Each structure stands twice: as C-alpha cells, then as structure tokens.
C-alpha cells in the first residue's frame, strides 16, 4: 500500500466541504497546541473550535460514539478555560508546576474511570450509531476492533492529559505525547489522513511543549 492509498484515497468519496472542515479542525487543533506551549489561555478557545468541528464531522459520518467522546473533550476544554482564567495574572498567561503525589493519585483514578466510561459508550455504540433505536441491534463489545480498543485507551490518556493541563502541570505533555503517537496509525485506519498528519505534528509539538514548560519553571 502506497502513500496515496493511505492518505488520499479515502477522500475520493468525501464532499469538498467535508475535507475543508477536517482541514479547519486540524488548523485550530495545531493553534491550540501552539498556544498551550506558550502557556497562553487561547489554547482553550482554539481547542474548542477544533473539537466542535470534529463533533460535527463525526456526527455526519454517523460515528456517534466518537462524536460523544469529542463532545467530552469540548466540555473538559471549557473546564480548563475557567481554571486558567482564574489563575492568570494578565488574563493571558499562566504559571506551571510539577504534579503532586495527591494529584497523581487523582489522575490514576480519573484514568480508570475514563476507561470504564468509554468502554460503556462502546458497549452501547451499536444502539447509538443506529440513531438510538434498538431495532436489529445487539449491544456488546463484539464489534470492537484494535482501533476501537486503542480509542478507549487514548481517550483515557487524553482525558488525564487535559486535566493535568487544566491544572497547569508539566506532566500533561507526557500524556499528549503517548496519545498522539498512538493516534497517528489509528486515524489512517479510520480514513482521516489529514488528522493523522495532525497527530504526528502534535507529537513533535508536545515534546517541544514539555521542554519549554520545564525550562520556564527552572527559570522561575
């Protein structure tokens, strides 16, 4: 399989507006990570635009389970925006720190709860994808492939990353690095080549973000 088959062939069946929307979601996603590196509160409004776009794209494609997860991200972004607004001295930038032992324990609990919640969503996914109708639907986890199980794991990873970022903890970048790396092949598998490239760029930016936040804390 060549690069055309991996990244471009799936788009032959897409409408132009769908391609443009995915590209816009990618652009705003990249802007969000850039602002996060700069510890700039604009990480959240740009991130919300990106996740809202993906909520719509996934709804149109009938991927309602994935759509609900992106809605979940949107809500978490609003939560983070509120926390950063309260913590910012100039209403734009924030200070960062390492996570405490207590916060690591809470992060572990959050990770486990997220695994359970997303698995539950996938259990009901046939019902959700059938427009909330039980007609001809067998609920369960039998329909999950390797990409779906990775989705369960990465959603939990990203949720913890988002919570740590909302708390302005440097370790949030480590979770983004792991999740972004996993999402590169997963998005190719789902036929979202543009998004897979986005996650590859996200990985590089997350490494830069980790180094920058750690450097700024040492300087402080």
N, C-alpha and C. Protein backbone atom coordinates (compact mmCIF):
# COMPACT_ATOMS: atom_id res chain seq x y z
N UNK A 1 0.84 -1.20 0.00
CA UNK A 1 0.00 0.00 0.00
C UNK A 1 0.88 1.25 0.00
N UNK A 2 0.61 2.18 -0.96
CA UNK A 2 1.42 3.39 -1.06
C UNK A 2 0.80 4.53 -0.26
N UNK A 3 1.50 5.71 -0.28
CA UNK A 3 1.04 6.86 0.49
C UNK A 3 -0.30 7.38 -0.02
N UNK A 4 -0.54 7.26 -1.31
CA UNK A 4 -1.82 7.72 -1.87
C UNK A 4 -2.97 6.92 -1.28
N UNK A 5 -2.80 5.60 -1.22
CA UNK A 5 -3.85 4.74 -0.67
C UNK A 5 -4.10 5.04 0.81
N UNK A 6 -3.01 5.35 1.53
CA UNK A 6 -3.13 5.59 2.96
C UNK A 6 -3.78 6.93 3.29
N UNK A 7 -3.34 8.00 2.58
CA UNK A 7 -3.74 9.35 2.97
C UNK A 7 -4.79 10.00 2.07
N UNK A 8 -4.80 9.69 0.78
CA UNK A 8 -5.65 10.44 -0.15
C UNK A 8 -6.85 9.65 -0.68
N UNK A 9 -6.70 8.35 -0.88
CA UNK A 9 -7.78 7.56 -1.48
C UNK A 9 -9.10 7.67 -0.72
N UNK A 10 -9.09 7.64 0.65
CA UNK A 10 -10.37 7.75 1.37
C UNK A 10 -11.13 9.02 1.04
N UNK A 11 -10.42 10.08 0.63
CA UNK A 11 -11.07 11.37 0.37
C UNK A 11 -11.78 11.41 -0.98
N UNK A 12 -11.60 10.39 -1.81
CA UNK A 12 -12.28 10.35 -3.11
C UNK A 12 -13.79 10.33 -2.93
N UNK A 13 -14.25 9.77 -1.82
CA UNK A 13 -15.70 9.68 -1.58
C UNK A 13 -16.23 10.83 -0.73
N UNK A 14 -15.36 11.76 -0.34
CA UNK A 14 -15.77 12.87 0.52
C UNK A 14 -16.24 14.06 -0.31
N UNK A 15 -17.16 14.82 0.26
CA UNK A 15 -17.54 16.10 -0.34
C UNK A 15 -16.47 17.14 0.00
N UNK A 16 -16.35 18.18 -0.85
CA UNK A 16 -15.33 19.19 -0.63
C UNK A 16 -15.47 19.87 0.73
N UNK A 17 -16.73 20.14 1.14
CA UNK A 17 -16.93 20.82 2.41
C UNK A 17 -16.47 19.97 3.59
N UNK A 18 -16.54 18.63 3.44
CA UNK A 18 -16.08 17.75 4.49
C UNK A 18 -14.56 17.81 4.64
N UNK A 19 -13.88 17.88 3.49
CA UNK A 19 -12.41 18.00 3.51
C UNK A 19 -11.99 19.33 4.11
N UNK A 20 -12.71 20.41 3.73
CA UNK A 20 -12.39 21.74 4.26
C UNK A 20 -12.61 21.78 5.78
N UNK A 21 -13.71 21.18 6.24
CA UNK A 21 -13.99 21.16 7.69
C UNK A 21 -12.90 20.41 8.45
N UNK A 22 -12.47 19.25 7.92
CA UNK A 22 -11.43 18.49 8.59
C UNK A 22 -10.14 19.30 8.63
N UNK A 23 -9.83 20.00 7.52
CA UNK A 23 -8.63 20.83 7.48
C UNK A 23 -8.71 21.96 8.51
N UNK A 24 -9.90 22.58 8.63
CA UNK A 24 -10.09 23.65 9.62
C UNK A 24 -9.93 23.12 11.04
N UNK A 25 -10.50 21.93 11.29
CA UNK A 25 -10.36 21.31 12.60
C UNK A 25 -8.89 21.06 12.93
N UNK A 26 -8.13 20.66 11.91
CA UNK A 26 -6.69 20.43 12.08
C UNK A 26 -5.95 21.72 12.38
N UNK A 27 -6.27 22.78 11.63
CA UNK A 27 -5.60 24.08 11.82
C UNK A 27 -5.84 24.61 13.23
N UNK A 28 -7.10 24.58 13.66
CA UNK A 28 -7.41 25.08 15.01
C UNK A 28 -6.81 24.17 16.09
N UNK A 29 -6.71 22.88 15.80
CA UNK A 29 -6.06 21.98 16.74
C UNK A 29 -4.58 22.30 16.91
N UNK A 30 -3.91 22.60 15.78
CA UNK A 30 -2.50 22.98 15.82
C UNK A 30 -2.31 24.31 16.55
N UNK A 31 -3.22 25.26 16.30
CA UNK A 31 -3.16 26.54 17.01
C UNK A 31 -3.30 26.34 18.51
N UNK A 32 -4.19 25.43 18.88
CA UNK A 32 -4.42 25.17 20.30
C UNK A 32 -3.16 24.65 20.98
N UNK A 33 -2.46 23.72 20.33
CA UNK A 33 -1.22 23.18 20.91
C UNK A 33 -0.15 24.27 20.96
N UNK A 34 -0.09 25.11 19.92
CA UNK A 34 0.89 26.21 19.91
C UNK A 34 0.66 27.14 21.11
N UNK A 35 -0.59 27.52 21.34
CA UNK A 35 -0.90 28.41 22.47
C UNK A 35 -0.63 27.72 23.81
N UNK A 36 -0.81 26.41 23.84
CA UNK A 36 -0.53 25.67 25.06
C UNK A 36 0.96 25.72 25.38
N UNK A 37 1.80 25.54 24.37
CA UNK A 37 3.25 25.63 24.55
C UNK A 37 3.63 26.99 25.13
N UNK A 38 2.96 28.03 24.66
CA UNK A 38 3.24 29.40 25.10
C UNK A 38 2.56 29.73 26.43
N UNK A 39 1.87 28.75 27.02
CA UNK A 39 1.10 28.94 28.27
C UNK A 39 0.10 30.09 28.12
N UNK A 40 -0.50 30.15 26.94
CA UNK A 40 -1.43 31.21 26.58
C UNK A 40 -2.86 30.67 26.65
N UNK A 41 -3.74 31.42 27.29
CA UNK A 41 -5.11 30.96 27.52
C UNK A 41 -5.88 30.72 26.23
N UNK A 42 -5.38 31.22 25.11
CA UNK A 42 -6.05 30.98 23.82
C UNK A 42 -6.00 29.51 23.41
N UNK A 43 -5.26 28.70 24.17
CA UNK A 43 -5.27 27.26 23.93
C UNK A 43 -6.69 26.72 23.97
N UNK A 44 -7.53 27.28 24.84
CA UNK A 44 -8.87 26.73 25.02
C UNK A 44 -9.88 27.16 23.96
N UNK A 45 -10.01 28.46 23.64
CA UNK A 45 -10.98 28.80 22.58
C UNK A 45 -10.65 28.15 21.24
N UNK A 46 -9.34 28.10 20.89
CA UNK A 46 -8.98 27.46 19.62
C UNK A 46 -9.22 25.96 19.68
N UNK A 47 -8.94 25.36 20.84
CA UNK A 47 -9.18 23.93 21.00
C UNK A 47 -10.65 23.58 20.95
N UNK A 48 -11.48 24.44 21.51
CA UNK A 48 -12.93 24.21 21.49
C UNK A 48 -13.45 24.25 20.06
N UNK A 49 -12.97 25.21 19.27
CA UNK A 49 -13.39 25.28 17.86
C UNK A 49 -13.05 23.97 17.15
N UNK A 50 -11.83 23.46 17.40
CA UNK A 50 -11.39 22.22 16.76
C UNK A 50 -12.28 21.03 17.17
N UNK A 51 -12.53 20.87 18.46
CA UNK A 51 -13.32 19.72 18.91
C UNK A 51 -14.78 19.82 18.47
N UNK A 52 -15.32 21.04 18.42
CA UNK A 52 -16.70 21.22 17.96
C UNK A 52 -16.81 20.83 16.49
N UNK A 53 -15.81 21.20 15.69
CA UNK A 53 -15.79 20.82 14.27
C UNK A 53 -15.79 19.30 14.14
N UNK A 54 -14.96 18.64 14.95
CA UNK A 54 -14.89 17.18 14.88
C UNK A 54 -16.17 16.52 15.39
N UNK A 55 -16.84 17.15 16.34
CA UNK A 55 -18.14 16.64 16.78
C UNK A 55 -19.09 16.61 15.59
N UNK A 56 -19.10 17.69 14.82
CA UNK A 56 -20.00 17.76 13.67
C UNK A 56 -19.60 16.76 12.58
N UNK A 57 -18.30 16.68 12.27
CA UNK A 57 -17.82 15.76 11.24
C UNK A 57 -18.20 14.32 11.59
N UNK A 58 -17.96 13.93 12.83
CA UNK A 58 -18.24 12.57 13.27
C UNK A 58 -19.74 12.28 13.30
N UNK A 59 -20.53 13.31 13.60
CA UNK A 59 -21.99 13.16 13.56
C UNK A 59 -22.45 12.89 12.12
N UNK A 60 -21.92 13.65 11.17
CA UNK A 60 -22.29 13.49 9.76
C UNK A 60 -21.91 12.10 9.26
N UNK A 61 -20.75 11.60 9.72
CA UNK A 61 -20.30 10.27 9.28
C UNK A 61 -20.98 9.14 10.05
N UNK A 62 -21.83 9.51 11.01
CA UNK A 62 -22.56 8.50 11.76
C UNK A 62 -21.75 7.83 12.85
N UNK A 63 -20.57 8.39 13.17
CA UNK A 63 -19.72 7.84 14.22
C UNK A 63 -20.11 8.49 15.55
N UNK A 64 -21.29 8.14 16.05
CA UNK A 64 -21.85 8.84 17.20
C UNK A 64 -21.09 8.57 18.49
N UNK A 65 -20.52 7.38 18.61
CA UNK A 65 -19.71 7.08 19.79
C UNK A 65 -18.49 7.99 19.85
N UNK A 66 -17.78 8.11 18.73
CA UNK A 66 -16.63 9.01 18.65
C UNK A 66 -17.05 10.45 18.83
N UNK A 67 -18.23 10.79 18.32
CA UNK A 67 -18.74 12.15 18.45
C UNK A 67 -18.95 12.50 19.93
N UNK A 68 -19.49 11.57 20.70
CA UNK A 68 -19.73 11.81 22.12
C UNK A 68 -18.42 12.02 22.86
N UNK A 69 -17.37 11.29 22.46
CA UNK A 69 -16.07 11.44 23.10
C UNK A 69 -15.50 12.82 22.81
N UNK A 70 -15.66 13.31 21.58
CA UNK A 70 -15.17 14.66 21.25
C UNK A 70 -15.99 15.73 21.97
N UNK A 71 -17.27 15.46 22.19
CA UNK A 71 -18.08 16.38 22.99
C UNK A 71 -17.54 16.43 24.42
N UNK A 72 -17.12 15.28 24.90
CA UNK A 72 -16.49 15.12 26.21
C UNK A 72 -15.25 16.01 26.29
N UNK A 73 -14.43 16.00 25.22
CA UNK A 73 -13.23 16.85 25.17
C UNK A 73 -13.62 18.33 25.22
N UNK A 74 -14.70 18.69 24.53
CA UNK A 74 -15.14 20.08 24.49
C UNK A 74 -15.50 20.57 25.89
N UNK A 75 -16.23 19.73 26.62
CA UNK A 75 -16.62 20.09 27.99
C UNK A 75 -15.38 20.25 28.87
N UNK A 76 -14.41 19.34 28.73
CA UNK A 76 -13.18 19.44 29.50
C UNK A 76 -12.39 20.70 29.17
N UNK A 77 -12.45 21.13 27.89
CA UNK A 77 -11.77 22.35 27.48
C UNK A 77 -12.40 23.58 28.13
N UNK A 78 -13.72 23.57 28.25
CA UNK A 78 -14.41 24.68 28.92
C UNK A 78 -13.99 24.73 30.39
N UNK A 79 -13.89 23.56 31.01
CA UNK A 79 -13.44 23.46 32.41
C UNK A 79 -12.03 24.04 32.56
N UNK A 80 -11.13 23.66 31.64
CA UNK A 80 -9.76 24.15 31.68
C UNK A 80 -9.69 25.65 31.46
N UNK A 81 -10.52 26.16 30.55
CA UNK A 81 -10.56 27.60 30.27
C UNK A 81 -10.92 28.38 31.53
N UNK A 82 -11.90 27.87 32.28
CA UNK A 82 -12.34 28.53 33.52
C UNK A 82 -11.19 28.55 34.54
N UNK A 83 -10.50 27.40 34.69
CA UNK A 83 -9.40 27.33 35.66
C UNK A 83 -8.26 28.25 35.28
N UNK A 84 -7.90 28.27 34.00
CA UNK A 84 -6.80 29.13 33.56
C UNK A 84 -7.17 30.61 33.73
N UNK A 85 -8.42 30.94 33.49
CA UNK A 85 -8.87 32.33 33.64
C UNK A 85 -8.70 32.79 35.08
N UNK A 86 -8.99 31.90 36.03
CA UNK A 86 -8.87 32.25 37.44
C UNK A 86 -7.41 32.33 37.89
N UNK A 87 -6.52 31.60 37.20
CA UNK A 87 -5.13 31.52 37.63
C UNK A 87 -4.21 32.50 36.92
N UNK A 88 -4.68 33.14 35.87
CA UNK A 88 -3.85 34.04 35.07
C UNK A 88 -3.81 35.44 35.67
N UNK A 89 -2.60 35.96 35.81
CA UNK A 89 -2.43 37.31 36.35
C UNK A 89 -2.76 38.38 35.31
N UNK A 90 -2.36 38.11 34.05
CA UNK A 90 -2.61 39.10 32.98
C UNK A 90 -3.77 38.68 32.08
N UNK A 91 -4.51 37.64 32.50
CA UNK A 91 -5.67 37.12 31.75
C UNK A 91 -5.25 36.46 30.43
N UNK A 92 -3.94 36.20 30.26
CA UNK A 92 -3.46 35.56 29.04
C UNK A 92 -2.54 34.38 29.37
N UNK A 93 -1.52 34.62 30.21
CA UNK A 93 -0.52 33.60 30.50
C UNK A 93 -0.68 33.06 31.92
N UNK A 94 -0.17 31.83 32.13
CA UNK A 94 -0.25 31.19 33.45
C UNK A 94 1.12 30.65 33.84
N UNK A 95 1.29 30.38 35.13
CA UNK A 95 2.50 29.74 35.64
C UNK A 95 2.25 28.24 35.74
N UNK A 96 3.33 27.45 35.65
CA UNK A 96 3.20 25.99 35.65
C UNK A 96 4.01 25.38 36.78
N UNK A 97 3.72 24.09 37.07
CA UNK A 97 4.43 23.39 38.14
C UNK A 97 4.34 21.88 37.89
N UNK A 98 5.10 21.11 38.69
CA UNK A 98 5.02 19.66 38.62
C UNK A 98 3.82 19.17 39.44
N UNK A 99 3.28 18.03 39.08
CA UNK A 99 2.13 17.47 39.79
C UNK A 99 2.57 16.92 41.15
N UNK A 100 1.70 17.03 42.13
CA UNK A 100 1.95 16.49 43.46
C UNK A 100 1.54 15.02 43.51
N UNK A 101 1.93 14.33 44.58
CA UNK A 101 1.56 12.92 44.75
C UNK A 101 0.04 12.76 44.78
N UNK A 102 -0.63 13.66 45.47
CA UNK A 102 -2.10 13.63 45.56
C UNK A 102 -2.73 13.78 44.18
N UNK A 103 -2.18 14.65 43.36
CA UNK A 103 -2.71 14.85 42.01
C UNK A 103 -2.46 13.64 41.12
N UNK A 104 -1.33 12.94 41.32
CA UNK A 104 -1.07 11.71 40.57
C UNK A 104 -2.08 10.63 40.94
N UNK A 105 -2.42 10.55 42.22
CA UNK A 105 -3.43 9.56 42.65
C UNK A 105 -4.78 9.86 42.01
N UNK A 106 -5.15 11.16 42.00
CA UNK A 106 -6.41 11.55 41.37
C UNK A 106 -6.38 11.26 39.88
N UNK A 107 -5.22 11.51 39.24
CA UNK A 107 -5.07 11.25 37.80
C UNK A 107 -5.26 9.76 37.50
N UNK A 108 -4.72 8.90 38.38
CA UNK A 108 -4.87 7.45 38.19
C UNK A 108 -6.33 7.03 38.30
N UNK A 109 -7.03 7.60 39.28
CA UNK A 109 -8.46 7.30 39.44
C UNK A 109 -9.24 7.78 38.22
N UNK A 110 -8.90 8.98 37.73
CA UNK A 110 -9.55 9.55 36.56
C UNK A 110 -9.32 8.68 35.33
N UNK A 111 -8.11 8.13 35.22
CA UNK A 111 -7.77 7.26 34.10
C UNK A 111 -8.63 6.00 34.11
N UNK A 112 -8.75 5.39 35.28
CA UNK A 112 -9.53 4.15 35.41
C UNK A 112 -11.02 4.42 35.14
N UNK A 113 -11.54 5.51 35.70
CA UNK A 113 -12.95 5.86 35.48
C UNK A 113 -13.22 6.14 34.00
N UNK A 114 -12.26 6.80 33.35
CA UNK A 114 -12.42 7.10 31.93
C UNK A 114 -12.43 5.84 31.09
N UNK A 115 -11.55 4.89 31.42
CA UNK A 115 -11.55 3.60 30.72
C UNK A 115 -12.92 2.94 30.82
N UNK A 116 -13.50 2.96 32.01
CA UNK A 116 -14.81 2.36 32.22
C UNK A 116 -15.90 3.08 31.46
N UNK A 117 -15.87 4.42 31.48
CA UNK A 117 -16.89 5.21 30.81
C UNK A 117 -16.86 5.03 29.30
N UNK A 118 -15.66 5.09 28.72
CA UNK A 118 -15.55 4.97 27.26
C UNK A 118 -15.88 3.54 26.82
N UNK A 119 -15.51 2.55 27.62
CA UNK A 119 -15.88 1.16 27.30
C UNK A 119 -17.40 1.02 27.32
N UNK A 120 -18.05 1.69 28.27
CA UNK A 120 -19.52 1.66 28.35
C UNK A 120 -20.14 2.31 27.12
N UNK A 121 -19.54 3.43 26.67
CA UNK A 121 -20.04 4.09 25.46
C UNK A 121 -19.94 3.15 24.26
N UNK A 122 -18.81 2.44 24.16
CA UNK A 122 -18.64 1.50 23.05
C UNK A 122 -19.59 0.29 23.18
N UNK A 123 -19.93 -0.08 24.41
CA UNK A 123 -20.89 -1.17 24.61
C UNK A 123 -22.24 -0.80 23.99
N UNK A 124 -22.62 0.47 24.17
CA UNK A 124 -23.90 0.94 23.64
C UNK A 124 -23.76 1.55 22.24
N UNK A 125 -22.56 1.50 21.65
CA UNK A 125 -22.32 2.15 20.36
C UNK A 125 -23.23 1.65 19.24
N UNK A 126 -23.50 0.33 19.14
CA UNK A 126 -24.43 -0.11 18.09
C UNK A 126 -25.79 0.57 18.23
N UNK A 127 -26.27 0.73 19.46
CA UNK A 127 -27.54 1.42 19.73
C UNK A 127 -27.43 2.91 19.39
N UNK A 128 -26.30 3.54 19.74
CA UNK A 128 -26.09 4.96 19.45
C UNK A 128 -25.99 5.20 17.95
N UNK A 129 -25.18 4.36 17.26
CA UNK A 129 -24.98 4.52 15.82
C UNK A 129 -26.25 4.20 15.02
N UNK A 130 -27.19 3.46 15.64
CA UNK A 130 -28.47 3.16 14.99
C UNK A 130 -29.52 4.23 15.32
N UNK A 131 -29.00 5.43 15.64
CA UNK A 131 -29.84 6.59 15.95
C UNK A 131 -30.77 6.31 17.14
N UNK A 132 -30.16 5.67 18.15
CA UNK A 132 -30.84 5.39 19.42
C UNK A 132 -32.10 4.53 19.24
N UNK A 133 -31.97 3.59 18.31
CA UNK A 133 -33.04 2.62 18.09
C UNK A 133 -32.52 1.22 18.37
N UNK A 134 -33.31 0.39 19.05
CA UNK A 134 -32.90 -0.98 19.37
C UNK A 134 -33.23 -1.96 18.25
N UNK A 135 -33.87 -1.48 17.20
CA UNK A 135 -34.30 -2.35 16.11
C UNK A 135 -33.09 -2.98 15.41
N UNK A 136 -33.00 -4.30 15.49
CA UNK A 136 -31.92 -5.05 14.84
C UNK A 136 -30.55 -4.83 15.44
N UNK A 137 -30.49 -4.40 16.69
CA UNK A 137 -29.21 -4.07 17.33
C UNK A 137 -28.88 -5.09 18.42
N UNK A 138 -27.64 -5.56 18.42
CA UNK A 138 -27.12 -6.39 19.50
C UNK A 138 -26.00 -5.61 20.17
N UNK A 139 -26.26 -5.20 21.41
CA UNK A 139 -25.25 -4.42 22.11
C UNK A 139 -24.16 -5.32 22.69
N UNK A 140 -22.99 -4.76 22.85
CA UNK A 140 -21.87 -5.51 23.40
C UNK A 140 -20.56 -4.94 22.89
N UNK A 141 -19.48 -5.67 23.15
CA UNK A 141 -18.15 -5.22 22.73
C UNK A 141 -17.61 -6.07 21.58
N UNK A 142 -18.44 -6.94 21.06
CA UNK A 142 -18.02 -7.85 19.99
C UNK A 142 -17.57 -7.12 18.74
N UNK A 143 -18.13 -5.92 18.50
CA UNK A 143 -17.87 -5.20 17.26
C UNK A 143 -16.58 -4.39 17.30
N UNK A 144 -15.90 -4.36 18.44
CA UNK A 144 -14.69 -3.55 18.58
C UNK A 144 -13.50 -4.21 17.89
N UNK A 145 -12.76 -3.40 17.11
CA UNK A 145 -11.51 -3.88 16.52
C UNK A 145 -10.35 -3.24 17.28
N UNK A 146 -9.13 -3.45 16.80
CA UNK A 146 -7.96 -2.94 17.52
C UNK A 146 -7.98 -1.42 17.64
N UNK A 147 -8.50 -0.74 16.59
CA UNK A 147 -8.56 0.73 16.62
C UNK A 147 -9.52 1.22 17.69
N UNK A 148 -10.63 0.52 17.86
CA UNK A 148 -11.60 0.90 18.89
C UNK A 148 -11.02 0.75 20.29
N UNK A 149 -10.30 -0.36 20.52
CA UNK A 149 -9.70 -0.56 21.85
C UNK A 149 -8.61 0.47 22.11
N UNK A 150 -7.86 0.82 21.07
CA UNK A 150 -6.87 1.88 21.22
C UNK A 150 -7.56 3.21 21.50
N UNK A 151 -8.74 3.40 20.89
CA UNK A 151 -9.52 4.60 21.13
C UNK A 151 -9.92 4.71 22.61
N UNK A 152 -10.31 3.58 23.18
CA UNK A 152 -10.67 3.55 24.60
C UNK A 152 -9.47 3.99 25.44
N UNK A 153 -8.31 3.43 25.12
CA UNK A 153 -7.09 3.74 25.88
C UNK A 153 -6.66 5.19 25.69
N UNK A 154 -6.62 5.65 24.43
CA UNK A 154 -6.14 7.02 24.18
C UNK A 154 -7.10 8.07 24.75
N UNK A 155 -8.39 7.76 24.75
CA UNK A 155 -9.35 8.71 25.34
C UNK A 155 -9.05 8.91 26.82
N UNK A 156 -8.74 7.82 27.52
CA UNK A 156 -8.38 7.92 28.93
C UNK A 156 -7.07 8.69 29.11
N UNK A 157 -6.11 8.42 28.23
CA UNK A 157 -4.83 9.12 28.27
C UNK A 157 -5.03 10.62 28.05
N UNK A 158 -5.83 10.97 27.03
CA UNK A 158 -6.06 12.39 26.72
C UNK A 158 -6.85 13.09 27.82
N UNK A 159 -7.79 12.37 28.43
CA UNK A 159 -8.57 12.99 29.50
C UNK A 159 -7.67 13.39 30.67
N UNK A 160 -6.77 12.47 31.05
CA UNK A 160 -5.83 12.79 32.13
C UNK A 160 -4.91 13.94 31.70
N UNK A 161 -4.47 13.91 30.43
CA UNK A 161 -3.65 14.99 29.92
C UNK A 161 -4.36 16.33 29.98
N UNK A 162 -5.64 16.34 29.63
CA UNK A 162 -6.43 17.58 29.66
C UNK A 162 -6.61 18.07 31.08
N UNK A 163 -6.82 17.14 32.03
CA UNK A 163 -6.99 17.54 33.43
C UNK A 163 -5.70 18.12 33.98
N UNK A 164 -4.56 17.47 33.67
CA UNK A 164 -3.28 17.98 34.13
C UNK A 164 -2.95 19.33 33.49
N UNK A 165 -3.35 19.51 32.24
CA UNK A 165 -3.13 20.79 31.58
C UNK A 165 -3.99 21.87 32.22
N UNK A 166 -5.24 21.53 32.56
CA UNK A 166 -6.12 22.49 33.23
C UNK A 166 -5.53 22.91 34.57
N UNK A 167 -4.82 21.97 35.22
CA UNK A 167 -4.16 22.26 36.50
C UNK A 167 -2.77 22.86 36.31
N UNK A 168 -2.38 23.04 35.05
CA UNK A 168 -1.10 23.67 34.69
C UNK A 168 0.10 22.84 35.16
N UNK A 169 -0.01 21.51 35.01
CA UNK A 169 1.05 20.61 35.41
C UNK A 169 1.88 20.18 34.21
N UNK A 170 3.19 20.21 34.37
CA UNK A 170 4.11 19.93 33.26
C UNK A 170 3.90 18.52 32.70
N UNK A 171 3.54 17.57 33.55
CA UNK A 171 3.40 16.18 33.11
C UNK A 171 2.30 15.98 32.07
N UNK A 172 1.42 16.98 31.89
CA UNK A 172 0.35 16.82 30.90
C UNK A 172 0.91 16.49 29.53
N UNK A 173 2.10 17.04 29.23
CA UNK A 173 2.69 16.81 27.90
C UNK A 173 3.08 15.36 27.67
N UNK A 174 3.45 14.65 28.72
CA UNK A 174 3.82 13.24 28.58
C UNK A 174 2.63 12.41 28.12
N UNK A 175 1.45 12.74 28.63
CA UNK A 175 0.23 12.04 28.22
C UNK A 175 -0.13 12.37 26.78
N UNK A 176 0.06 13.65 26.39
CA UNK A 176 -0.22 14.03 25.00
C UNK A 176 0.72 13.31 24.04
N UNK A 177 1.99 13.17 24.42
CA UNK A 177 2.97 12.50 23.55
C UNK A 177 2.55 11.06 23.28
N UNK A 178 2.20 10.34 24.35
CA UNK A 178 1.80 8.93 24.21
C UNK A 178 0.52 8.81 23.37
N UNK A 179 -0.49 9.62 23.70
CA UNK A 179 -1.76 9.55 22.98
C UNK A 179 -1.63 9.93 21.52
N UNK A 180 -0.86 10.99 21.24
CA UNK A 180 -0.69 11.45 19.86
C UNK A 180 0.01 10.41 19.00
N UNK A 181 1.04 9.77 19.56
CA UNK A 181 1.76 8.74 18.80
C UNK A 181 0.84 7.59 18.41
N UNK A 182 -0.02 7.18 19.35
CA UNK A 182 -0.95 6.08 19.07
C UNK A 182 -1.96 6.48 18.01
N UNK A 183 -2.38 7.76 18.02
CA UNK A 183 -3.43 8.21 17.12
C UNK A 183 -2.99 8.33 15.66
N UNK A 184 -1.69 8.41 15.41
CA UNK A 184 -1.22 8.54 14.03
C UNK A 184 -1.68 7.37 13.16
N UNK A 185 -1.35 6.11 13.51
CA UNK A 185 -1.83 4.99 12.69
C UNK A 185 -3.34 4.78 12.80
N UNK A 186 -3.91 5.12 13.97
CA UNK A 186 -5.33 4.89 14.19
C UNK A 186 -6.18 5.76 13.26
N UNK A 187 -5.77 7.03 13.04
CA UNK A 187 -6.52 7.92 12.16
C UNK A 187 -6.37 7.53 10.70
N UNK A 188 -5.21 6.99 10.33
CA UNK A 188 -5.03 6.48 8.96
C UNK A 188 -6.02 5.33 8.73
N UNK A 189 -6.14 4.46 9.73
CA UNK A 189 -7.05 3.32 9.65
C UNK A 189 -8.50 3.77 9.49
N UNK A 190 -8.84 4.89 10.14
CA UNK A 190 -10.21 5.41 10.08
C UNK A 190 -10.48 6.23 8.82
N UNK A 191 -9.45 6.39 7.97
CA UNK A 191 -9.63 7.13 6.73
C UNK A 191 -9.53 8.63 6.88
N UNK A 192 -8.94 9.09 7.98
CA UNK A 192 -8.76 10.53 8.23
C UNK A 192 -7.28 10.87 8.14
N UNK A 193 -6.77 10.88 6.88
CA UNK A 193 -5.34 11.09 6.64
C UNK A 193 -4.84 12.44 7.12
N UNK A 194 -5.65 13.50 6.90
CA UNK A 194 -5.25 14.83 7.35
C UNK A 194 -5.09 14.85 8.86
N UNK A 195 -6.02 14.21 9.55
CA UNK A 195 -5.98 14.17 11.01
C UNK A 195 -4.79 13.37 11.51
N UNK A 196 -4.40 12.32 10.78
CA UNK A 196 -3.23 11.52 11.20
C UNK A 196 -1.96 12.36 11.13
N UNK A 197 -1.85 13.19 10.09
CA UNK A 197 -0.70 14.09 9.97
C UNK A 197 -0.72 15.10 11.11
N UNK A 198 -1.93 15.57 11.46
CA UNK A 198 -2.08 16.49 12.58
C UNK A 198 -1.52 15.89 13.86
N UNK A 199 -1.83 14.62 14.12
CA UNK A 199 -1.36 13.98 15.34
C UNK A 199 0.15 13.77 15.31
N UNK A 200 0.72 13.57 14.14
CA UNK A 200 2.18 13.45 14.02
C UNK A 200 2.83 14.78 14.40
N UNK A 201 2.26 15.87 13.90
CA UNK A 201 2.77 17.21 14.24
C UNK A 201 2.54 17.47 15.73
N UNK A 202 1.38 17.04 16.24
CA UNK A 202 1.07 17.20 17.67
C UNK A 202 2.15 16.54 18.53
N UNK A 203 2.63 15.37 18.10
CA UNK A 203 3.65 14.66 18.87
C UNK A 203 4.91 15.49 19.02
N UNK A 204 5.36 16.05 17.89
CA UNK A 204 6.56 16.90 17.90
C UNK A 204 6.32 18.12 18.78
N UNK A 205 5.15 18.75 18.63
CA UNK A 205 4.85 19.95 19.41
C UNK A 205 4.73 19.63 20.90
N UNK A 206 4.24 18.43 21.23
CA UNK A 206 4.12 18.04 22.64
C UNK A 206 5.50 17.89 23.28
N UNK A 207 6.44 17.34 22.53
CA UNK A 207 7.82 17.23 23.04
C UNK A 207 8.39 18.63 23.29
N UNK A 208 8.16 19.54 22.33
CA UNK A 208 8.62 20.92 22.49
C UNK A 208 7.94 21.57 23.69
N UNK A 209 6.63 21.33 23.84
CA UNK A 209 5.89 21.89 24.95
C UNK A 209 6.43 21.44 26.30
N UNK A 210 6.72 20.14 26.41
CA UNK A 210 7.28 19.61 27.66
C UNK A 210 8.60 20.29 27.99
N UNK A 211 9.48 20.40 27.00
CA UNK A 211 10.79 21.03 27.23
C UNK A 211 10.64 22.50 27.59
N UNK A 212 9.71 23.19 26.92
CA UNK A 212 9.51 24.62 27.17
C UNK A 212 8.94 24.86 28.56
N UNK A 213 7.94 24.09 28.97
CA UNK A 213 7.33 24.28 30.29
C UNK A 213 8.35 23.96 31.39
N UNK A 214 9.13 22.90 31.19
CA UNK A 214 10.13 22.54 32.19
C UNK A 214 11.20 23.63 32.29
N UNK A 215 11.59 24.17 31.14
CA UNK A 215 12.59 25.24 31.11
C UNK A 215 12.07 26.50 31.80
N UNK A 216 10.80 26.84 31.56
CA UNK A 216 10.24 28.07 32.15
C UNK A 216 10.12 27.93 33.67
N UNK A 217 9.85 26.70 34.17
CA UNK A 217 9.77 26.50 35.61
C UNK A 217 11.14 26.65 36.25
N UNK A 218 12.17 26.10 35.59
CA UNK A 218 13.53 26.23 36.11
C UNK A 218 13.95 27.69 36.14
N UNK A 219 13.57 28.44 35.09
CA UNK A 219 13.92 29.86 35.02
C UNK A 219 13.23 30.65 36.13
N UNK A 220 12.01 30.25 36.46
CA UNK A 220 11.25 30.93 37.51
C UNK A 220 11.85 30.65 38.88
